[in-house]
């Protein structure tokens, strides 16, 4: 007895062989990605559970994953909105300029990380510009520097 998958008539499940997905044409199911067997909406739902770093790494896995991840703005939107609280003016400016959510996120993610480090006091004991690590600086707007200076004065 075989049960035919309702979404894809080419995939069948055989109870005699266990939970093995058999694809006509002889392709080994273990060499298939979940994105090739599931509907695209389900793959997007799975990818939406990843954090920013994992999402970027997943987009490098294969061309099919990259097409799904890069082509879905909703995957990047929620991450970008979390950055919105960090560098609101930059995010708003990028969105008004018509940038995608991913471009907006990438452009502002590093700024958000730098701002958080400054606000947490990571650089409070730095005595000169030479002591600041090179990867910890980027252009920030006036409001962000104002917040950082207020935090430093409160310490």
N, C-alpha and C. Protein backbone atom coordinates (compact mmCIF):
# COMPACT_ATOMS: atom_id res chain seq x y z
N UNK A 1 0.85 -1.18 0.00
CA UNK A 1 0.00 0.00 0.00
C UNK A 1 0.89 1.24 0.00
N UNK A 2 0.60 2.17 -0.88
CA UNK A 2 1.37 3.41 -0.95
C UNK A 2 0.43 4.59 -0.77
N UNK A 3 0.92 5.60 -0.08
CA UNK A 3 0.17 6.83 0.07
C UNK A 3 0.85 7.89 -0.79
N UNK A 4 0.09 8.54 -1.63
CA UNK A 4 0.64 9.55 -2.51
C UNK A 4 0.54 10.90 -1.82
N UNK A 5 1.64 11.63 -1.83
CA UNK A 5 1.69 12.98 -1.26
C UNK A 5 0.75 13.88 -2.05
N UNK A 6 -0.09 14.65 -1.36
CA UNK A 6 -1.07 15.49 -2.05
C UNK A 6 -0.44 16.68 -2.76
N UNK A 7 0.67 17.18 -2.24
CA UNK A 7 1.30 18.35 -2.84
C UNK A 7 2.17 17.99 -4.04
N UNK A 8 2.77 16.82 -4.03
CA UNK A 8 3.65 16.41 -5.11
C UNK A 8 3.34 14.98 -5.49
N UNK A 9 2.79 14.79 -6.66
CA UNK A 9 2.39 13.45 -7.07
C UNK A 9 3.58 12.59 -7.47
N UNK A 10 4.77 13.17 -7.49
CA UNK A 10 5.95 12.39 -7.86
C UNK A 10 6.63 11.76 -6.65
N UNK A 11 6.25 12.13 -5.44
CA UNK A 11 6.85 11.58 -4.24
C UNK A 11 5.87 10.62 -3.58
N UNK A 12 6.36 9.46 -3.17
CA UNK A 12 5.50 8.48 -2.52
C UNK A 12 6.14 8.00 -1.24
N UNK A 13 5.32 7.50 -0.34
CA UNK A 13 5.77 6.97 0.94
C UNK A 13 5.42 5.50 0.98
N UNK A 14 6.38 4.68 1.31
CA UNK A 14 6.16 3.24 1.37
C UNK A 14 6.31 2.77 2.80
N UNK A 15 5.23 2.29 3.44
CA UNK A 15 5.32 1.83 4.81
C UNK A 15 6.24 0.62 4.97
N UNK A 16 6.40 -0.17 3.92
CA UNK A 16 7.25 -1.36 3.99
C UNK A 16 8.72 -0.98 4.17
N UNK A 17 9.14 0.14 3.61
CA UNK A 17 10.54 0.56 3.69
C UNK A 17 10.79 1.54 4.82
N UNK A 18 9.79 1.87 5.59
CA UNK A 18 9.96 2.82 6.67
C UNK A 18 9.70 4.23 6.17
N UNK A 19 10.22 5.20 6.86
CA UNK A 19 9.99 6.60 6.52
C UNK A 19 10.98 7.06 5.46
N UNK A 20 10.93 6.44 4.30
CA UNK A 20 11.82 6.80 3.21
C UNK A 20 11.01 7.44 2.10
N UNK A 21 11.46 8.56 1.66
CA UNK A 21 10.81 9.25 0.55
C UNK A 21 11.40 8.72 -0.74
N UNK A 22 10.56 8.14 -1.58
CA UNK A 22 11.05 7.58 -2.84
C UNK A 22 10.66 8.52 -3.97
N UNK A 23 11.62 8.92 -4.74
CA UNK A 23 11.40 9.83 -5.85
C UNK A 23 11.58 9.04 -7.15
N UNK A 24 10.57 9.05 -8.03
CA UNK A 24 10.75 8.38 -9.30
C UNK A 24 11.94 8.97 -10.06
N UNK A 25 12.67 8.14 -10.75
CA UNK A 25 13.85 8.61 -11.47
C UNK A 25 15.12 8.19 -10.78
N UNK A 26 15.01 7.58 -9.61
CA UNK A 26 16.17 7.01 -8.96
C UNK A 26 17.01 7.96 -8.13
N UNK A 27 16.60 9.21 -7.91
CA UNK A 27 17.41 10.13 -7.12
C UNK A 27 17.36 9.71 -5.65
N UNK A 28 18.52 9.62 -5.03
CA UNK A 28 18.62 9.21 -3.63
C UNK A 28 18.00 10.30 -2.75
N UNK A 29 17.00 9.96 -1.94
CA UNK A 29 16.34 10.97 -1.11
C UNK A 29 17.26 11.58 -0.07
N UNK A 30 18.31 10.87 0.33
CA UNK A 30 19.23 11.42 1.31
C UNK A 30 20.09 12.54 0.74
N UNK A 31 20.16 12.63 -0.58
CA UNK A 31 20.94 13.67 -1.21
C UNK A 31 20.09 14.87 -1.58
N UNK A 32 18.84 14.85 -1.21
CA UNK A 32 17.96 15.97 -1.48
C UNK A 32 17.88 16.89 -0.27
N UNK A 33 17.72 18.14 -0.53
CA UNK A 33 17.53 19.13 0.51
C UNK A 33 16.04 19.19 0.84
N UNK A 34 15.73 19.59 2.06
CA UNK A 34 14.32 19.74 2.42
C UNK A 34 13.62 20.75 1.53
N UNK A 35 14.39 21.71 1.00
CA UNK A 35 13.78 22.73 0.14
C UNK A 35 13.33 22.17 -1.20
N UNK A 36 13.87 21.03 -1.57
CA UNK A 36 13.47 20.40 -2.82
C UNK A 36 12.23 19.52 -2.66
N UNK A 37 11.96 19.08 -1.44
CA UNK A 37 10.81 18.21 -1.22
C UNK A 37 9.62 18.96 -0.63
N UNK A 38 9.87 20.01 0.14
CA UNK A 38 8.78 20.77 0.75
C UNK A 38 8.33 21.90 -0.17
N UNK A 39 7.10 22.36 0.00
CA UNK A 39 6.68 23.56 -0.73
C UNK A 39 7.54 24.75 -0.30
N UNK A 40 7.74 25.69 -1.19
CA UNK A 40 8.59 26.85 -0.91
C UNK A 40 8.14 27.60 0.34
N UNK A 41 6.83 27.71 0.55
CA UNK A 41 6.33 28.44 1.73
C UNK A 41 6.82 27.79 3.03
N UNK A 42 6.91 26.46 3.04
CA UNK A 42 7.39 25.77 4.23
C UNK A 42 8.89 25.99 4.44
N UNK A 43 9.63 25.99 3.34
CA UNK A 43 11.07 26.26 3.44
C UNK A 43 11.31 27.66 3.97
N UNK A 44 10.53 28.62 3.51
CA UNK A 44 10.65 30.00 3.99
C UNK A 44 10.34 30.06 5.48
N UNK A 45 9.33 29.32 5.90
CA UNK A 45 8.96 29.28 7.33
C UNK A 45 10.12 28.72 8.17
N UNK A 46 10.76 27.68 7.67
CA UNK A 46 11.91 27.10 8.38
C UNK A 46 13.05 28.10 8.44
N UNK A 47 13.36 28.74 7.31
CA UNK A 47 14.44 29.73 7.29
C UNK A 47 14.13 30.93 8.18
N UNK A 48 12.86 31.24 8.37
CA UNK A 48 12.50 32.41 9.19
C UNK A 48 12.83 32.20 10.67
N UNK A 49 13.10 30.98 11.07
CA UNK A 49 13.48 30.68 12.46
C UNK A 49 14.96 30.93 12.73
N UNK A 50 15.74 31.21 11.69
CA UNK A 50 17.19 31.40 11.85
C UNK A 50 17.52 32.82 12.27
N UNK A 51 18.64 32.96 13.00
CA UNK A 51 19.13 34.30 13.30
C UNK A 51 19.86 34.85 12.07
N UNK A 52 20.29 36.08 12.14
CA UNK A 52 20.89 36.75 10.98
C UNK A 52 22.12 36.00 10.48
N UNK A 53 23.02 35.67 11.37
CA UNK A 53 24.26 34.99 10.97
C UNK A 53 23.96 33.65 10.31
N UNK A 54 23.06 32.87 10.90
CA UNK A 54 22.70 31.56 10.33
C UNK A 54 22.00 31.71 8.99
N UNK A 55 21.17 32.74 8.86
CA UNK A 55 20.47 32.98 7.60
C UNK A 55 21.47 33.32 6.49
N UNK A 56 22.46 34.13 6.81
CA UNK A 56 23.51 34.46 5.82
C UNK A 56 24.30 33.22 5.44
N UNK A 57 24.64 32.40 6.42
CA UNK A 57 25.38 31.17 6.13
C UNK A 57 24.54 30.20 5.31
N UNK A 58 23.26 30.10 5.62
CA UNK A 58 22.38 29.20 4.87
C UNK A 58 22.27 29.63 3.42
N UNK A 59 22.29 30.93 3.18
CA UNK A 59 22.19 31.42 1.79
C UNK A 59 23.42 31.05 0.97
N UNK A 60 24.52 30.69 1.64
CA UNK A 60 25.73 30.28 0.96
C UNK A 60 25.80 28.77 0.72
N UNK A 61 24.86 28.04 1.25
CA UNK A 61 24.90 26.58 1.19
C UNK A 61 24.80 26.04 -0.23
N UNK A 62 23.81 26.48 -0.95
CA UNK A 62 23.63 26.04 -2.33
C UNK A 62 22.80 27.07 -3.08
N UNK A 63 22.77 26.95 -4.38
CA UNK A 63 22.06 27.92 -5.21
C UNK A 63 20.56 27.94 -4.90
N UNK A 64 19.97 26.77 -4.67
CA UNK A 64 18.53 26.70 -4.40
C UNK A 64 18.18 27.41 -3.09
N UNK A 65 18.97 27.17 -2.03
CA UNK A 65 18.73 27.86 -0.77
C UNK A 65 18.92 29.36 -0.95
N UNK A 66 19.97 29.74 -1.68
CA UNK A 66 20.22 31.16 -1.91
C UNK A 66 19.06 31.81 -2.63
N UNK A 67 18.51 31.15 -3.64
CA UNK A 67 17.36 31.71 -4.37
C UNK A 67 16.17 31.93 -3.45
N UNK A 68 15.92 30.98 -2.57
CA UNK A 68 14.79 31.11 -1.64
C UNK A 68 15.04 32.24 -0.64
N UNK A 69 16.22 32.26 -0.05
CA UNK A 69 16.52 33.23 1.00
C UNK A 69 16.63 34.65 0.44
N UNK A 70 17.35 34.79 -0.66
CA UNK A 70 17.54 36.13 -1.24
C UNK A 70 16.26 36.69 -1.83
N UNK A 71 15.37 35.82 -2.25
CA UNK A 71 14.15 36.28 -2.91
C UNK A 71 13.00 36.58 -1.98
N UNK A 72 13.18 36.44 -0.69
CA UNK A 72 12.09 36.65 0.26
C UNK A 72 12.43 37.77 1.23
N UNK A 73 11.85 38.93 1.01
CA UNK A 73 12.08 40.08 1.89
C UNK A 73 11.61 39.82 3.31
N UNK A 74 10.54 39.00 3.47
CA UNK A 74 10.01 38.77 4.81
C UNK A 74 11.01 38.06 5.72
N UNK A 75 11.99 37.34 5.16
CA UNK A 75 13.01 36.69 5.98
C UNK A 75 13.92 37.72 6.65
N UNK A 76 14.12 38.82 5.98
CA UNK A 76 15.05 39.85 6.48
C UNK A 76 14.35 40.93 7.28
N UNK A 77 13.05 41.10 7.05
CA UNK A 77 12.30 42.20 7.66
C UNK A 77 12.34 42.17 9.18
N UNK A 78 12.04 41.02 9.79
CA UNK A 78 11.98 40.96 11.25
C UNK A 78 13.34 41.27 11.88
N UNK A 79 14.41 40.77 11.25
CA UNK A 79 15.75 41.06 11.76
C UNK A 79 16.06 42.55 11.61
N UNK A 80 15.63 43.10 10.50
CA UNK A 80 15.88 44.52 10.25
C UNK A 80 15.12 45.38 11.26
N UNK A 81 13.91 44.98 11.60
CA UNK A 81 13.13 45.76 12.56
C UNK A 81 13.76 45.73 13.96
N UNK A 82 14.49 44.67 14.28
CA UNK A 82 15.19 44.65 15.56
C UNK A 82 16.37 45.63 15.54
N UNK A 83 16.94 45.85 14.37
CA UNK A 83 18.02 46.83 14.22
C UNK A 83 17.44 48.25 14.23
N UNK A 84 16.17 48.36 13.84
CA UNK A 84 15.50 49.65 13.77
C UNK A 84 15.62 50.42 15.08
N UNK A 85 15.53 49.72 16.19
CA UNK A 85 15.65 50.38 17.49
C UNK A 85 17.08 50.88 17.73
N UNK A 86 18.03 50.33 17.01
CA UNK A 86 19.42 50.71 17.21
C UNK A 86 19.78 51.95 16.39
N UNK A 87 19.52 51.92 15.10
CA UNK A 87 19.88 53.03 14.21
C UNK A 87 18.67 53.39 13.34
N UNK A 88 17.68 53.94 13.96
CA UNK A 88 16.39 54.19 13.30
C UNK A 88 16.53 55.09 12.07
N UNK A 89 17.28 56.15 12.17
CA UNK A 89 17.38 57.10 11.06
C UNK A 89 17.97 56.44 9.81
N UNK A 90 19.01 55.63 9.99
CA UNK A 90 19.63 54.95 8.85
C UNK A 90 18.66 53.96 8.19
N UNK A 91 17.95 53.19 9.03
CA UNK A 91 17.00 52.22 8.50
C UNK A 91 15.89 52.93 7.74
N UNK A 92 15.34 53.99 8.32
CA UNK A 92 14.27 54.74 7.65
C UNK A 92 14.77 55.33 6.33
N UNK A 93 16.00 55.85 6.33
CA UNK A 93 16.56 56.42 5.10
C UNK A 93 16.74 55.39 4.01
N UNK A 94 17.22 54.21 4.37
CA UNK A 94 17.39 53.14 3.39
C UNK A 94 16.05 52.68 2.83
N UNK A 95 15.05 52.57 3.68
CA UNK A 95 13.73 52.13 3.22
C UNK A 95 13.11 53.18 2.29
N UNK A 96 13.28 54.45 2.62
CA UNK A 96 12.76 55.51 1.74
C UNK A 96 13.48 55.53 0.40
N UNK A 97 14.75 55.14 0.40
CA UNK A 97 15.53 55.10 -0.84
C UNK A 97 15.20 53.87 -1.69
N UNK A 98 14.33 52.99 -1.16
CA UNK A 98 13.91 51.82 -1.93
C UNK A 98 14.80 50.60 -1.78
N UNK A 99 15.67 50.59 -0.77
CA UNK A 99 16.53 49.42 -0.54
C UNK A 99 15.69 48.26 -0.02
N UNK A 100 16.10 47.04 -0.35
CA UNK A 100 15.41 45.86 0.17
C UNK A 100 15.68 45.74 1.66
N UNK A 101 14.90 44.89 2.33
CA UNK A 101 15.10 44.69 3.76
C UNK A 101 16.47 44.09 4.03
N UNK A 102 16.94 43.22 3.15
CA UNK A 102 18.26 42.62 3.36
C UNK A 102 19.36 43.66 3.24
N UNK A 103 19.31 44.49 2.22
CA UNK A 103 20.31 45.54 2.04
C UNK A 103 20.29 46.48 3.23
N UNK A 104 19.10 46.84 3.67
CA UNK A 104 18.96 47.72 4.83
C UNK A 104 19.57 47.07 6.07
N UNK A 105 19.29 45.79 6.26
CA UNK A 105 19.83 45.07 7.41
C UNK A 105 21.35 45.01 7.36
N UNK A 106 21.89 44.62 6.23
CA UNK A 106 23.35 44.48 6.11
C UNK A 106 24.04 45.81 6.33
N UNK A 107 23.47 46.87 5.77
CA UNK A 107 24.09 48.19 5.90
C UNK A 107 24.06 48.70 7.34
N UNK A 108 23.05 48.29 8.10
CA UNK A 108 22.88 48.86 9.44
C UNK A 108 23.20 47.89 10.57
N UNK A 109 23.39 46.62 10.28
CA UNK A 109 23.66 45.64 11.32
C UNK A 109 24.96 45.95 12.07
N UNK A 110 26.00 46.23 11.32
CA UNK A 110 27.29 46.53 11.96
C UNK A 110 27.20 47.80 12.81
N UNK A 111 26.48 48.79 12.31
CA UNK A 111 26.30 50.02 13.09
C UNK A 111 25.60 49.72 14.41
N UNK A 112 24.59 48.87 14.35
CA UNK A 112 23.86 48.49 15.56
C UNK A 112 24.76 47.77 16.55
N UNK A 113 25.60 46.88 16.05
CA UNK A 113 26.53 46.14 16.93
C UNK A 113 27.52 47.10 17.60
N UNK A 114 28.06 48.03 16.83
CA UNK A 114 29.01 49.01 17.38
C UNK A 114 28.33 49.86 18.45
N UNK A 115 27.10 50.31 18.16
CA UNK A 115 26.39 51.15 19.12
C UNK A 115 26.14 50.38 20.42
N UNK A 116 25.70 49.13 20.31
CA UNK A 116 25.44 48.32 21.52
C UNK A 116 26.70 48.16 22.36
N UNK A 117 27.83 47.92 21.68
CA UNK A 117 29.09 47.75 22.43
C UNK A 117 29.47 49.04 23.17
N UNK A 118 29.31 50.16 22.50
CA UNK A 118 29.61 51.44 23.14
C UNK A 118 28.68 51.67 24.33
N UNK A 119 27.38 51.42 24.15
CA UNK A 119 26.42 51.66 25.23
C UNK A 119 26.63 50.72 26.41
N UNK A 120 27.14 49.53 26.16
CA UNK A 120 27.42 48.58 27.25
C UNK A 120 28.72 48.92 27.98
N UNK A 121 29.47 49.89 27.47
CA UNK A 121 30.70 50.31 28.14
C UNK A 121 31.93 49.54 27.72
N UNK A 122 31.85 48.83 26.61
CA UNK A 122 33.00 48.02 26.18
C UNK A 122 34.23 48.88 25.89
N UNK A 123 34.02 50.11 25.47
CA UNK A 123 35.15 50.97 25.11
C UNK A 123 35.34 52.11 26.12
N UNK A 124 34.78 51.98 27.30
CA UNK A 124 34.86 53.05 28.30
C UNK A 124 36.27 53.31 28.79
N UNK A 125 37.13 52.31 28.78
CA UNK A 125 38.49 52.47 29.32
C UNK A 125 39.51 52.80 28.25
N UNK A 126 39.10 53.17 27.09
CA UNK A 126 40.03 53.50 26.01
C UNK A 126 40.54 54.92 26.24
N UNK A 127 41.85 55.08 26.18
CA UNK A 127 42.47 56.37 26.48
C UNK A 127 42.80 57.19 25.24
N UNK A 128 42.96 56.53 24.09
CA UNK A 128 43.26 57.28 22.86
C UNK A 128 42.65 56.56 21.66
N UNK A 129 42.62 57.23 20.55
CA UNK A 129 42.08 56.64 19.32
C UNK A 129 42.87 55.42 18.88
N UNK A 130 44.14 55.37 19.22
CA UNK A 130 44.98 54.22 18.84
C UNK A 130 44.56 52.94 19.56
N UNK A 131 43.89 53.08 20.71
CA UNK A 131 43.46 51.92 21.50
C UNK A 131 42.16 51.30 20.99
N UNK A 132 41.45 51.98 20.12
CA UNK A 132 40.17 51.48 19.62
C UNK A 132 40.43 50.42 18.54
N UNK A 133 39.87 49.22 18.69
CA UNK A 133 40.04 48.20 17.66
C UNK A 133 39.48 48.68 16.32
N UNK A 134 40.17 48.38 15.23
CA UNK A 134 39.78 48.91 13.92
C UNK A 134 38.42 48.41 13.46
N UNK A 135 38.02 47.21 13.85
CA UNK A 135 36.74 46.69 13.40
C UNK A 135 35.57 47.15 14.26
N UNK A 136 35.82 48.04 15.20
CA UNK A 136 34.76 48.48 16.10
C UNK A 136 34.27 49.89 15.80
N UNK A 137 34.68 50.44 14.69
CA UNK A 137 34.25 51.79 14.35
C UNK A 137 33.54 51.80 13.01
N UNK A 138 32.55 52.65 12.89
CA UNK A 138 31.84 52.88 11.63
C UNK A 138 31.12 54.21 11.76
N UNK A 139 30.72 54.80 10.65
CA UNK A 139 30.01 56.07 10.73
C UNK A 139 28.66 55.91 11.44
N UNK A 140 28.40 56.77 12.40
CA UNK A 140 27.13 56.78 13.11
C UNK A 140 26.53 58.17 13.05
N UNK A 141 25.22 58.26 13.16
CA UNK A 141 24.58 59.57 13.09
C UNK A 141 24.77 60.34 14.41
N UNK A 142 24.41 61.61 14.38
CA UNK A 142 24.62 62.50 15.52
C UNK A 142 23.82 62.02 16.74
N UNK A 143 22.58 61.59 16.53
CA UNK A 143 21.76 61.12 17.65
C UNK A 143 22.40 59.91 18.35
N UNK A 144 22.96 59.00 17.57
CA UNK A 144 23.59 57.81 18.14
C UNK A 144 24.80 58.20 18.96
N UNK A 145 25.64 59.10 18.44
CA UNK A 145 26.80 59.55 19.20
C UNK A 145 26.36 60.29 20.46
N UNK A 146 25.25 61.02 20.38
CA UNK A 146 24.71 61.69 21.57
C UNK A 146 24.34 60.69 22.65
N UNK A 147 23.67 59.58 22.26
CA UNK A 147 23.32 58.53 23.21
C UNK A 147 24.56 57.91 23.84
N UNK A 148 25.56 57.67 23.01
CA UNK A 148 26.81 57.07 23.50
C UNK A 148 27.50 58.00 24.50
N UNK A 149 27.56 59.29 24.16
CA UNK A 149 28.21 60.25 25.07
C UNK A 149 27.44 60.36 26.39
N UNK A 150 26.12 60.36 26.34
CA UNK A 150 25.32 60.40 27.57
C UNK A 150 25.60 59.18 28.44
N UNK A 151 25.67 58.01 27.80
CA UNK A 151 25.95 56.79 28.54
C UNK A 151 27.33 56.84 29.19
N UNK A 152 28.31 57.38 28.47
CA UNK A 152 29.68 57.48 29.01
C UNK A 152 29.72 58.47 30.18
N UNK A 153 28.97 59.57 30.07
CA UNK A 153 28.96 60.55 31.14
C UNK A 153 28.28 59.99 32.41
N UNK A 154 27.31 59.09 32.21
CA UNK A 154 26.61 58.47 33.35
C UNK A 154 27.48 57.43 34.07
N UNK A 155 28.49 56.93 33.41
CA UNK A 155 29.34 55.90 34.04
C UNK A 155 30.27 56.51 35.06
